[in-house]
Amino acid sequence: MENIGEQNAPTFDSSREYRNRQLTGKIYNKCRSLPEDEIRDWLVLNAYKLADTYNISQPYHNRAHMQAVAHTANIILTNTLSESPARDKMEVLLFVAASLHDLNHSAGKDEDAENIRNAVALIENEVDKNIKSIARDFLNSVINTIRVTEFPFIKEPETLVQMCLRDADLLMVLESDFEAFQAGLSVETNKHISYKDTIEFLSNQTFFTKYGKKLFSDYLNSKLHKARLKAYEEQLDIERILNKVERNTEYLLKYEIKDTGSATTTSGSVKCKYISYHTVSKELNFIANNDVKFSFDARDITSITKIEETEIYKKYC
């Protein structure tokens, strides 16, 4: 089995289910080498089952989010400390806390303080129903670790495990399907959150571990960030067009189409009326005076001018 902690840099492009199985197997093995703890072992075995029960429908704070946080948190910890029995204990605690930190989240209906209280109460209730042990040290450590994720942040992390969880909870941009998570968070908060909003928010946060800081810094210098930023800027260009054009109004449209295969560029202009916009293909649909319908990728449009010579859009490269 691959040792996640031996990676020089994390890779987040493998399937989430596959890497979850890797991490779970690793944590199971850690438990076998540690002194017996009935509550700890039960929580390790049932963390994903609880998430499957209580975190299926949330758009953002769902089981996929908690599993992603558990994965990133483990990478931060194992790149911060050398392998040792003490780190083994930390890895197990971090795995459980991360896998349950948003248990039964209200998805925006309640304040986060209430979400944390509900998660803690549910975890305690599930443990009490299934385990009779009076040794509660591990459970108390899980609860104290989860509390540092309450947002707005009011509890500063005090232990390395708490620092790893706080940092990992912020680093969802590392996920290959981050766009889906961002859309989910927009649903839960009932406000549009753009990629620029996310990066500005993260840039103003404190990362408590050196490796957490490194992950975010490396991400800002990555091709993935640049591609996402470009897509965001292109979407802004599209919105600038859509906010100006009117249906059945005649325009002079100028375009520049680059063929990446042949490295050629086709440019020109056409008089036409705007009809509609296709959100998936990002194409604007037009009709010419001869009733011929055609479409342009919004990103290929360089300018749009009303026939009375009022320029309403110009692309600045």
C-alpha atoms as a PDB file:
ATOM      1  CA  MET A   1       0.000   0.000   0.000  1.00  0.00           C
ATOM      2  CA  GLU A   2       1.319   3.467  -0.912  1.00  0.00           C
ATOM      3  CA  ASN A   3       2.424   5.540   2.052  1.00  0.00           C
ATOM      4  CA  ILE A   4       0.745   8.888   1.542  1.00  0.00           C
ATOM      5  CA  GLY A   5       3.205  10.580   3.850  1.00  0.00           C
ATOM      6  CA  GLU A   6       6.152   9.697   1.631  1.00  0.00           C
ATOM      7  CA  GLN A   7       4.886  11.789  -1.244  1.00  0.00           C
ATOM      8  CA  ASN A   8       7.030  14.862  -1.873  1.00  0.00           C
ATOM      9  CA  ALA A   9       3.955  16.710  -3.125  1.00  0.00           C
ATOM     10  CA  PRO A  10       0.312  15.642  -3.030  1.00  0.00           C
ATOM     11  CA  THR A  11      -1.499  14.531  -6.140  1.00  0.00           C
ATOM     12  CA  PHE A  12      -5.223  15.069  -6.132  1.00  0.00           C
ATOM     13  CA  ASP A  13      -6.185  13.664  -9.514  1.00  0.00           C
ATOM     14  CA  SER A  14      -6.806  10.045  -8.471  1.00  0.00           C
ATOM     15  CA  SER A  15     -10.385   9.112  -7.692  1.00  0.00           C
ATOM     16  CA  ARG A  16     -11.547  10.169  -4.259  1.00  0.00           C
ATOM     17  CA  GLU A  17     -12.897   6.716  -3.471  1.00  0.00           C
ATOM     18  CA  TYR A  18      -9.558   5.087  -4.308  1.00  0.00           C
ATOM     19  CA  ARG A  19      -7.512   7.399  -2.153  1.00  0.00           C
ATOM     20  CA  ASN A  20     -10.077   7.100   0.657  1.00  0.00           C
ATOM     21  CA  ARG A  21      -9.567   3.342   0.646  1.00  0.00           C
ATOM     22  CA  GLN A  22      -5.811   3.899   0.800  1.00  0.00           C
ATOM     23  CA  LEU A  23      -6.078   6.257   3.751  1.00  0.00           C
ATOM     24  CA  THR A  24      -8.617   4.103   5.576  1.00  0.00           C
ATOM     25  CA  GLY A  25      -6.440   1.010   5.230  1.00  0.00           C
ATOM     26  CA  LYS A  26      -3.460   2.951   6.501  1.00  0.00           C
ATOM     27  CA  ILE A  27      -5.359   4.197   9.574  1.00  0.00           C
ATOM     28  CA  TYR A  28      -6.704   0.700  10.325  1.00  0.00           C
ATOM     29  CA  ASN A  29      -3.135  -0.568  10.369  1.00  0.00           C
ATOM     30  CA  LYS A  30      -2.089   2.243  12.699  1.00  0.00           C
ATOM     31  CA  CYS A  31      -4.825   1.246  15.158  1.00  0.00           C
ATOM     32  CA  ARG A  32      -3.555  -2.335  15.285  1.00  0.00           C
ATOM     33  CA  SER A  33      -0.163  -1.102  16.430  1.00  0.00           C
ATOM     34  CA  LEU A  34      -1.594   1.129  19.173  1.00  0.00           C
ATOM     35  CA  PRO A  35      -2.882   0.142  22.631  1.00  0.00           C
ATOM     36  CA  GLU A  36      -6.524  -0.938  22.528  1.00  0.00           C
ATOM     37  CA  ASP A  37      -9.121   1.825  22.781  1.00  0.00           C
ATOM     38  CA  GLU A  38     -12.703   0.719  22.255  1.00  0.00           C
ATOM     39  CA  ILE A  39     -14.135   4.150  21.401  1.00  0.00           C
ATOM     40  CA  ARG A  40     -11.240   5.041  19.091  1.00  0.00           C
ATOM     41  CA  ASP A  41     -11.478   1.773  17.184  1.00  0.00           C
ATOM     42  CA  TRP A  42     -15.251   2.047  16.826  1.00  0.00           C
ATOM     43  CA  LEU A  43     -15.014   5.595  15.481  1.00  0.00           C
ATOM     44  CA  VAL A  44     -12.323   4.638  12.974  1.00  0.00           C
ATOM     45  CA  LEU A  45     -14.420   1.738  11.716  1.00  0.00           C
ATOM     46  CA  ASN A  46     -17.630   3.765  11.533  1.00  0.00           C
ATOM     47  CA  ALA A  47     -16.540   7.286  10.523  1.00  0.00           C
ATOM     48  CA  TYR A  48     -17.407   6.816   6.846  1.00  0.00           C
ATOM     49  CA  LYS A  49     -20.603   4.956   7.720  1.00  0.00           C
ATOM     50  CA  LEU A  50     -21.786   7.905   9.806  1.00  0.00           C
ATOM     51  CA  ALA A  51     -20.965  10.313   6.980  1.00  0.00           C
ATOM     52  CA  ASP A  52     -22.866   8.072   4.558  1.00  0.00           C
ATOM     53  CA  THR A  53     -25.875   8.288   6.882  1.00  0.00           C
ATOM     54  CA  TYR A  54     -25.908  11.985   7.735  1.00  0.00           C
ATOM     55  CA  ASN A  55     -24.025  13.834   4.961  1.00  0.00           C
ATOM     56  CA  ILE A  56     -25.475  12.739   1.632  1.00  0.00           C
ATOM     57  CA  SER A  57     -27.599  15.700   0.494  1.00  0.00           C
ATOM     58  CA  GLN A  58     -25.556  18.757   1.517  1.00  0.00           C
ATOM     59  CA  PRO A  59     -24.294  20.663  -1.557  1.00  0.00           C
ATOM     60  CA  TYR A  60     -20.911  21.474   0.042  1.00  0.00           C
ATOM     61  CA  HIS A  61     -20.588  20.164   3.605  1.00  0.00           C
ATOM     62  CA  ASN A  62     -21.078  16.555   2.523  1.00  0.00           C
ATOM     63  CA  ARG A  63     -19.151  13.330   2.945  1.00  0.00           C
ATOM     64  CA  ALA A  64     -16.959  14.097  -0.090  1.00  0.00           C
ATOM     65  CA  HIS A  65     -15.846  17.343   1.565  1.00  0.00           C
ATOM     66  CA  MET A  66     -15.026  15.603   4.849  1.00  0.00           C
ATOM     67  CA  GLN A  67     -13.142  12.826   3.056  1.00  0.00           C
ATOM     68  CA  ALA A  68     -11.178  15.376   1.034  1.00  0.00           C
ATOM     69  CA  VAL A  69     -10.263  17.217   4.231  1.00  0.00           C
ATOM     70  CA  ALA A  70      -9.174  13.956   5.885  1.00  0.00           C
ATOM     71  CA  HIS A  71      -6.887  13.214   2.926  1.00  0.00           C
ATOM     72  CA  THR A  72      -5.297  16.667   2.820  1.00  0.00           C
ATOM     73  CA  ALA A  73      -4.925  16.808   6.604  1.00  0.00           C
ATOM     74  CA  ASN A  74      -3.073  13.499   6.605  1.00  0.00           C
ATOM     75  CA  ILE A  75      -0.690  14.759   3.926  1.00  0.00           C
ATOM     76  CA  ILE A  76       0.029  17.903   5.943  1.00  0.00           C
ATOM     77  CA  LEU A  77       0.709  15.934   9.122  1.00  0.00           C
ATOM     78  CA  THR A  78       2.897  13.278   7.497  1.00  0.00           C
ATOM     79  CA  ASN A  79       4.959  15.946   5.763  1.00  0.00           C
ATOM     80  CA  THR A  80       5.371  17.801   9.051  1.00  0.00           C
ATOM     81  CA  LEU A  81       6.419  14.998  11.416  1.00  0.00           C
ATOM     82  CA  SER A  82       8.696  12.013  10.895  1.00  0.00           C
ATOM     83  CA  GLU A  83       7.100   8.599  11.347  1.00  0.00           C
ATOM     84  CA  SER A  84       6.882   7.534  14.987  1.00  0.00           C
ATOM     85  CA  PRO A  85       4.406   5.969  17.440  1.00  0.00           C
ATOM     86  CA  ALA A  86       3.425   9.508  18.519  1.00  0.00           C
ATOM     87  CA  ARG A  87       2.612  10.439  14.918  1.00  0.00           C
ATOM     88  CA  ASP A  88       0.595   7.245  14.534  1.00  0.00           C
ATOM     89  CA  LYS A  89      -1.685   8.393  17.364  1.00  0.00           C
ATOM     90  CA  MET A  90      -2.020  11.824  15.778  1.00  0.00           C
ATOM     91  CA  GLU A  91      -2.876  10.350  12.381  1.00  0.00           C
ATOM     92  CA  VAL A  92      -5.704   8.291  13.854  1.00  0.00           C
ATOM     93  CA  LEU A  93      -7.122  11.233  15.817  1.00  0.00           C
ATOM     94  CA  LEU A  94      -6.852  13.525  12.782  1.00  0.00           C
ATOM     95  CA  PHE A  95      -8.544  10.972  10.532  1.00  0.00           C
ATOM     96  CA  VAL A  96     -11.560  10.642  12.829  1.00  0.00           C
ATOM     97  CA  ALA A  97     -11.922  14.375  13.520  1.00  0.00           C
ATOM     98  CA  ALA A  98     -11.610  15.297   9.833  1.00  0.00           C
ATOM     99  CA  SER A  99     -13.993  12.559   8.698  1.00  0.00           C
ATOM    100  CA  LEU A 100     -16.676  13.749  11.140  1.00  0.00           C
ATOM    101  CA  HIS A 101     -16.073  17.495  11.548  1.00  0.00           C
ATOM    102  CA  ASP A 102     -19.199  18.517   9.576  1.00  0.00           C
ATOM    103  CA  LEU A 103     -21.389  15.578  10.563  1.00  0.00           C
ATOM    104  CA  ASN A 104     -25.090  16.262   9.855  1.00  0.00           C
ATOM    105  CA  HIS A 105     -24.309  19.820   8.725  1.00  0.00           C
ATOM    106  CA  SER A 106     -27.367  22.042   8.200  1.00  0.00           C
ATOM    107  CA  ALA A 107     -26.107  23.239   4.779  1.00  0.00           C
ATOM    108  CA  GLY A 108     -26.581  26.908   5.594  1.00  0.00           C
ATOM    109  CA  LYS A 109     -29.792  26.721   7.606  1.00  0.00           C
ATOM    110  CA  ASP A 110     -28.048  27.230  10.968  1.00  0.00           C
ATOM    111  CA  GLU A 111     -25.086  29.240  12.199  1.00  0.00           C
ATOM    112  CA  ASP A 112     -21.872  27.227  12.285  1.00  0.00           C
ATOM    113  CA  ALA A 113     -21.748  27.266  16.067  1.00  0.00           C
ATOM    114  CA  GLU A 114     -24.999  25.297  15.980  1.00  0.00           C
ATOM    115  CA  ASN A 115     -23.583  22.949  13.328  1.00  0.00           C
ATOM    116  CA  ILE A 116     -20.617  22.170  15.587  1.00  0.00           C
ATOM    117  CA  ARG A 117     -22.867  21.589  18.599  1.00  0.00           C
ATOM    118  CA  ASN A 118     -25.047  19.242  16.561  1.00  0.00           C
ATOM    119  CA  ALA A 119     -22.054  17.318  15.199  1.00  0.00           C
ATOM    120  CA  VAL A 120     -20.573  16.891  18.668  1.00  0.00           C
ATOM    121  CA  ALA A 121     -23.912  15.806  20.178  1.00  0.00           C
ATOM    122  CA  LEU A 122     -24.484  13.303  17.376  1.00  0.00           C
ATOM    123  CA  ILE A 123     -21.016  11.787  17.717  1.00  0.00           C
ATOM    124  CA  GLU A 124     -21.430  11.463  21.487  1.00  0.00           C
ATOM    125  CA  ASN A 125     -24.878   9.922  21.050  1.00  0.00           C
ATOM    126  CA  GLU A 126     -23.628   7.369  18.500  1.00  0.00           C
ATOM    127  CA  VAL A 127     -20.739   6.400  20.776  1.00  0.00           C
ATOM    128  CA  ASP A 128     -23.035   6.059  23.805  1.00  0.00           C
ATOM    129  CA  LYS A 129     -25.434   3.843  21.825  1.00  0.00           C
ATOM    130  CA  ASN A 130     -22.717   1.479  20.687  1.00  0.00           C
ATOM    131  CA  ILE A 131     -19.873   1.571  23.214  1.00  0.00           C
ATOM    132  CA  LYS A 132     -19.990   1.150  26.988  1.00  0.00           C
ATOM    133  CA  SER A 133     -16.413   2.190  27.669  1.00  0.00           C
ATOM    134  CA  ILE A 134     -15.879   4.922  30.245  1.00  0.00           C
ATOM    135  CA  ALA A 135     -12.466   5.864  28.813  1.00  0.00           C
ATOM    136  CA  ARG A 136     -13.405   9.079  27.007  1.00  0.00           C
ATOM    137  CA  ASP A 137      -9.996  10.666  26.386  1.00  0.00           C
ATOM    138  CA  PHE A 138      -9.959   9.920  22.666  1.00  0.00           C
ATOM    139  CA  LEU A 139     -13.546  11.104  22.174  1.00  0.00           C
ATOM    140  CA  ASN A 140     -12.804  14.343  24.026  1.00  0.00           C
ATOM    141  CA  SER A 141      -9.763  14.903  21.792  1.00  0.00           C
ATOM    142  CA  VAL A 142     -11.900  14.399  18.684  1.00  0.00           C
ATOM    143  CA  ILE A 143     -14.453  16.940  19.921  1.00  0.00           C
ATOM    144  CA  ASN A 144     -11.809  19.529  20.828  1.00  0.00           C
ATOM    145  CA  THR A 145     -10.219  19.113  17.406  1.00  0.00           C
ATOM    146  CA  ILE A 146     -13.517  19.514  15.561  1.00  0.00           C
ATOM    147  CA  ARG A 147     -14.249  22.776  17.402  1.00  0.00           C
ATOM    148  CA  VAL A 148     -11.396  24.608  15.619  1.00  0.00           C
ATOM    149  CA  THR A 149     -13.333  24.370  12.326  1.00  0.00           C
ATOM    150  CA  GLU A 150     -16.193  26.565  13.535  1.00  0.00           C
ATOM    151  CA  PHE A 151     -16.559  29.528  11.161  1.00  0.00           C
ATOM    152  CA  PRO A 152     -16.188  32.460  11.587  1.00  0.00           C
ATOM    153  CA  PHE A 153     -13.046  31.205  13.312  1.00  0.00           C
ATOM    154  CA  ILE A 154     -13.177  31.874  17.038  1.00  0.00           C
ATOM    155  CA  LYS A 155     -11.043  29.033  18.442  1.00  0.00           C
ATOM    156  CA  GLU A 156      -7.363  29.093  17.542  1.00  0.00           C
ATOM    157  CA  PRO A 157      -5.762  25.673  17.033  1.00  0.00           C
ATOM    158  CA  GLU A 158      -3.447  24.704  19.893  1.00  0.00           C
ATOM    159  CA  THR A 159      -2.160  21.271  18.884  1.00  0.00           C
ATOM    160  CA  LEU A 160      -0.521  20.120  15.657  1.00  0.00           C
ATOM    161  CA  VAL A 161      -3.525  17.907  14.893  1.00  0.00           C
ATOM    162  CA  GLN A 162      -5.860  20.891  15.253  1.00  0.00           C
ATOM    163  CA  MET A 163      -3.588  22.979  13.009  1.00  0.00           C
ATOM    164  CA  CYS A 164      -3.577  20.299  10.314  1.00  0.00           C
ATOM    165  CA  LEU A 165      -7.375  20.079  10.361  1.00  0.00           C
ATOM    166  CA  ARG A 166      -7.854  23.856  10.200  1.00  0.00           C
ATOM    167  CA  ASP A 167      -5.467  24.166   7.251  1.00  0.00           C
ATOM    168  CA  ALA A 168      -6.925  21.210   5.366  1.00  0.00           C
ATOM    169  CA  ASP A 169     -10.482  22.471   5.818  1.00  0.00           C
ATOM    170  CA  LEU A 170      -9.500  25.596   3.875  1.00  0.00           C
ATOM    171  CA  LEU A 171      -7.692  23.852   1.034  1.00  0.00           C
ATOM    172  CA  MET A 172     -10.564  22.514  -1.062  1.00  0.00           C
ATOM    173  CA  VAL A 173      -9.060  24.347  -4.064  1.00  0.00           C
ATOM    174  CA  LEU A 174      -6.633  21.423  -4.273  1.00  0.00           C
ATOM    175  CA  GLU A 175      -9.455  19.130  -5.352  1.00  0.00           C
ATOM    176  CA  SER A 176      -9.699  18.415  -9.078  1.00  0.00           C
ATOM    177  CA  ASP A 177     -13.481  18.959  -8.910  1.00  0.00           C
ATOM    178  CA  PHE A 178     -13.263  22.106  -6.804  1.00  0.00           C
ATOM    179  CA  GLU A 179     -15.678  23.924  -9.121  1.00  0.00           C
ATOM    180  CA  ALA A 180     -18.472  21.599  -7.982  1.00  0.00           C
ATOM    181  CA  PHE A 181     -17.665  22.289  -4.335  1.00  0.00           C
ATOM    182  CA  GLN A 182     -17.596  26.045  -4.988  1.00  0.00           C
ATOM    183  CA  ALA A 183     -21.006  25.842  -6.634  1.00  0.00           C
ATOM    184  CA  GLY A 184     -22.270  23.867  -3.636  1.00  0.00           C
ATOM    185  CA  LEU A 185     -21.008  26.482  -1.212  1.00  0.00           C
ATOM    186  CA  SER A 186     -22.787  29.168  -3.253  1.00  0.00           C
ATOM    187  CA  VAL A 187     -26.017  27.202  -2.809  1.00  0.00           C
ATOM    188  CA  GLU A 188     -25.536  26.816   0.941  1.00  0.00           C
ATOM    189  CA  THR A 189     -24.662  30.475   1.531  1.00  0.00           C
ATOM    190  CA  ASN A 190     -27.320  31.673  -0.920  1.00  0.00           C
ATOM    191  CA  LYS A 191     -24.853  33.989  -2.653  1.00  0.00           C
ATOM    192  CA  HIS A 192     -22.654  33.655  -5.708  1.00  0.00           C
ATOM    193  CA  ILE A 193     -19.049  32.827  -4.801  1.00  0.00           C
ATOM    194  CA  SER A 194     -16.632  33.337  -7.669  1.00  0.00           C
ATOM    195  CA  TYR A 195     -13.187  31.823  -8.055  1.00  0.00           C
ATOM    196  CA  LYS A 196     -11.677  35.246  -7.371  1.00  0.00           C
ATOM    197  CA  ASP A 197     -13.725  35.471  -4.156  1.00  0.00           C
ATOM    198  CA  THR A 198     -12.318  32.126  -3.051  1.00  0.00           C
ATOM    199  CA  ILE A 199      -8.688  33.032  -3.731  1.00  0.00           C
ATOM    200  CA  GLU A 200      -9.051  36.416  -2.007  1.00  0.00           C
ATOM    201  CA  PHE A 201     -10.631  34.707   1.011  1.00  0.00           C
ATOM    202  CA  LEU A 202      -7.865  32.099   1.253  1.00  0.00           C
ATOM    203  CA  SER A 203      -5.153  34.720   0.803  1.00  0.00           C
ATOM    204  CA  ASN A 204      -6.469  36.489   3.910  1.00  0.00           C
ATOM    205  CA  GLN A 205      -6.523  33.364   6.083  1.00  0.00           C
ATOM    206  CA  THR A 206      -3.843  32.149   8.482  1.00  0.00           C
ATOM    207  CA  PHE A 207      -2.327  28.767   7.706  1.00  0.00           C
ATOM    208  CA  PHE A 208      -0.933  27.270  10.901  1.00  0.00           C
ATOM    209  CA  THR A 209       1.437  24.667   9.441  1.00  0.00           C
ATOM    210  CA  LYS A 210       4.419  25.246   7.172  1.00  0.00           C
ATOM    211  CA  TYR A 211       3.239  22.499   4.855  1.00  0.00           C
ATOM    212  CA  GLY A 212      -0.262  23.940   4.661  1.00  0.00           C
ATOM    213  CA  LYS A 213       1.264  27.276   3.649  1.00  0.00           C
ATOM    214  CA  LYS A 214       3.416  25.477   1.083  1.00  0.00           C
ATOM    215  CA  LEU A 215       0.421  23.697  -0.428  1.00  0.00           C
ATOM    216  CA  PHE A 216      -1.420  26.964  -0.948  1.00  0.00           C
ATOM    217  CA  SER A 217       1.680  28.761  -2.229  1.00  0.00           C
ATOM    218  CA  ASP A 218       2.431  25.939  -4.672  1.00  0.00           C
ATOM    219  CA  TYR A 219      -1.174  25.984  -5.815  1.00  0.00           C
ATOM    220  CA  LEU A 220      -1.027  29.718  -6.600  1.00  0.00           C
ATOM    221  CA  ASN A 221       1.946  28.985  -8.867  1.00  0.00           C
ATOM    222  CA  SER A 222       0.341  25.968 -10.527  1.00  0.00           C
ATOM    223  CA  LYS A 223      -1.031  25.569 -14.038  1.00  0.00           C
ATOM    224  CA  LEU A 224      -4.377  24.554 -12.522  1.00  0.00           C
ATOM    225  CA  HIS A 225      -4.744  27.896 -10.730  1.00  0.00           C
ATOM    226  CA  LYS A 226      -3.792  29.794 -13.880  1.00  0.00           C
ATOM    227  CA  ALA A 227      -6.315  27.801 -15.921  1.00  0.00           C
ATOM    228  CA  ARG A 228      -9.078  28.432 -13.385  1.00  0.00           C
ATOM    229  CA  LEU A 229      -8.215  32.125 -13.223  1.00  0.00           C
ATOM    230  CA  LYS A 230      -8.323  32.333 -17.019  1.00  0.00           C
ATOM    231  CA  ALA A 231     -11.711  30.612 -17.060  1.00  0.00           C
ATOM    232  CA  TYR A 232     -12.967  33.068 -14.442  1.00  0.00           C
ATOM    233  CA  GLU A 233     -11.752  36.053 -16.476  1.00  0.00           C
ATOM    234  CA  GLU A 234     -13.305  34.644 -19.643  1.00  0.00           C
ATOM    235  CA  GLN A 235     -16.596  34.243 -17.809  1.00  0.00           C
ATOM    236  CA  LEU A 236     -16.381  37.900 -16.770  1.00  0.00           C
ATOM    237  CA  ASP A 237     -15.924  38.816 -20.444  1.00  0.00           C
ATOM    238  CA  ILE A 238     -18.993  36.769 -21.336  1.00  0.00           C
ATOM    239  CA  GLU A 239     -21.029  38.461 -18.592  1.00  0.00           C
ATOM    240  CA  ARG A 240     -19.947  41.869 -19.865  1.00  0.00           C
ATOM    241  CA  ILE A 241     -21.383  40.966 -23.249  1.00  0.00           C
ATOM    242  CA  LEU A 242     -24.605  39.505 -21.866  1.00  0.00           C
ATOM    243  CA  ASN A 243     -25.198  42.551 -19.675  1.00  0.00           C
ATOM    244  CA  LYS A 244     -25.139  44.783 -22.753  1.00  0.00           C
ATOM    245  CA  VAL A 245     -26.691  42.968 -25.709  1.00  0.00           C
ATOM    246  CA  GLU A 246     -30.446  43.059 -26.308  1.00  0.00           C
ATOM    247  CA  ARG A 247     -32.558  40.614 -28.229  1.00  0.00           C
ATOM    248  CA  ASN A 248     -33.572  41.563 -31.766  1.00  0.00           C
ATOM    249  CA  THR A 249     -31.204  44.514 -31.793  1.00  0.00           C
ATOM    250  CA  GLU A 250     -28.854  44.869 -34.762  1.00  0.00           C
ATOM    251  CA  TYR A 251     -25.106  44.873 -34.108  1.00  0.00           C
ATOM    252  CA  LEU A 252     -21.822  44.894 -35.951  1.00  0.00           C
ATOM    253  CA  LEU A 253     -19.943  41.951 -34.478  1.00  0.00           C
ATOM    254  CA  LYS A 254     -16.186  41.534 -34.884  1.00  0.00           C
ATOM    255  CA  TYR A 255     -14.538  38.194 -34.198  1.00  0.00           C
ATOM    256  CA  GLU A 256     -11.169  36.483 -34.097  1.00  0.00           C
ATOM    257  CA  ILE A 257     -11.107  32.683 -34.133  1.00  0.00           C
ATOM    258  CA  LYS A 258      -7.846  30.895 -33.415  1.00  0.00           C
ATOM    259  CA  ASP A 259      -7.375  27.356 -34.729  1.00  0.00           C
ATOM    260  CA  THR A 260      -4.928  25.723 -32.329  1.00  0.00           C
ATOM    261  CA  GLY A 261      -4.481  22.752 -34.644  1.00  0.00           C
ATOM    262  CA  SER A 262      -3.222  24.707 -37.632  1.00  0.00           C
ATOM    263  CA  ALA A 263      -2.047  27.777 -35.671  1.00  0.00           C
ATOM    264  CA  THR A 264      -4.128  30.032 -37.928  1.00  0.00           C
ATOM    265  CA  THR A 265      -6.452  32.892 -37.047  1.00  0.00           C
ATOM    266  CA  THR A 266      -9.658  33.815 -38.850  1.00  0.00           C
ATOM    267  CA  SER A 267     -11.028  37.299 -38.249  1.00  0.00           C
ATOM    268  CA  GLY A 268     -13.873  39.304 -39.687  1.00  0.00           C
ATOM    269  CA  SER A 269     -17.099  41.136 -38.979  1.00  0.00           C
ATOM    270  CA  VAL A 270     -20.801  40.597 -39.592  1.00  0.00           C
ATOM    271  CA  LYS A 271     -24.047  42.518 -39.147  1.00  0.00           C
ATOM    272  CA  CYS A 272     -26.533  40.516 -37.144  1.00  0.00           C
ATOM    273  CA  LYS A 273     -29.206  40.440 -34.455  1.00  0.00           C
ATOM    274  CA  TYR A 274     -28.644  38.778 -31.099  1.00  0.00           C
ATOM    275  CA  ILE A 275     -30.977  35.845 -30.285  1.00  0.00           C
ATOM    276  CA  SER A 276     -29.777  33.926 -27.229  1.00  0.00           C
ATOM    277  CA  TYR A 277     -26.864  32.533 -25.198  1.00  0.00           C
ATOM    278  CA  HIS A 278     -26.085  28.848 -24.567  1.00  0.00           C
ATOM    279  CA  THR A 279     -24.667  28.445 -21.051  1.00  0.00           C
ATOM    280  CA  VAL A 280     -22.982  25.078 -21.700  1.00  0.00           C
ATOM    281  CA  SER A 281     -21.299  25.726 -25.037  1.00  0.00           C
ATOM    282  CA  LYS A 282     -20.753  29.423 -24.162  1.00  0.00           C
ATOM    283  CA  GLU A 283     -21.990  30.365 -27.600  1.00  0.00           C
ATOM    284  CA  LEU A 284     -24.022  33.428 -28.505  1.00  0.00           C
ATOM    285  CA  ASN A 285     -26.623  32.824 -31.185  1.00  0.00           C
ATOM    286  CA  PHE A 286     -27.304  35.410 -33.904  1.00  0.00           C
ATOM    287  CA  ILE A 287     -29.329  35.799 -37.081  1.00  0.00           C
ATOM    288  CA  ALA A 288     -28.168  37.726 -40.141  1.00  0.00           C
ATOM    289  CA  ASN A 289     -30.307  39.860 -42.428  1.00  0.00           C
ATOM    290  CA  ASN A 290     -30.766  36.912 -44.781  1.00  0.00           C
ATOM    291  CA  ASP A 291     -32.278  34.896 -41.906  1.00  0.00           C
ATOM    292  CA  VAL A 292     -29.198  32.686 -41.642  1.00  0.00           C
ATOM    293  CA  LYS A 293     -28.619  31.628 -38.045  1.00  0.00           C
ATOM    294  CA  PHE A 294     -25.093  31.174 -36.685  1.00  0.00           C
ATOM    295  CA  SER A 295     -23.245  31.005 -33.392  1.00  0.00           C
ATOM    296  CA  PHE A 296     -20.018  32.396 -31.975  1.00  0.00           C
ATOM    297  CA  ASP A 297     -18.051  31.225 -29.000  1.00  0.00           C
ATOM    298  CA  ALA A 298     -18.299  34.251 -26.718  1.00  0.00           C
ATOM    299  CA  ARG A 299     -14.546  34.100 -26.145  1.00  0.00           C
ATOM    300  CA  ASP A 300     -13.902  34.671 -29.883  1.00  0.00           C
ATOM    301  CA  ILE A 301     -15.853  37.941 -30.009  1.00  0.00           C
ATOM    302  CA  THR A 302     -13.535  40.956 -29.985  1.00  0.00           C
ATOM    303  CA  SER A 303     -16.158  43.712 -30.073  1.00  0.00           C
ATOM    304  CA  ILE A 304     -19.852  44.389 -30.491  1.00  0.00           C
ATOM    305  CA  THR A 305     -21.149  47.725 -31.748  1.00  0.00           C
ATOM    306  CA  LYS A 306     -24.712  48.850 -32.264  1.00  0.00           C
ATOM    307  CA  ILE A 307     -25.348  49.815 -35.843  1.00  0.00           C
ATOM    308  CA  GLU A 308     -25.690  53.443 -34.783  1.00  0.00           C
ATOM    309  CA  GLU A 309     -21.977  53.190 -33.949  1.00  0.00           C
ATOM    310  CA  THR A 310     -22.237  52.832 -30.186  1.00  0.00           C
ATOM    311  CA  GLU A 311     -19.594  50.391 -29.026  1.00  0.00           C
ATOM    312  CA  ILE A 312     -21.022  48.341 -26.186  1.00  0.00           C
ATOM    313  CA  TYR A 313     -18.298  45.726 -25.779  1.00  0.00           C
ATOM    314  CA  LYS A 314     -14.619  45.469 -26.612  1.00  0.00           C
ATOM    315  CA  LYS A 315     -12.344  42.658 -25.511  1.00  0.00           C
ATOM    316  CA  TYR A 316      -9.119  43.843 -23.945  1.00  0.00           C
ATOM    317  CA  CYS A 317      -6.377  41.204 -24.282  1.00  0.00           C
END
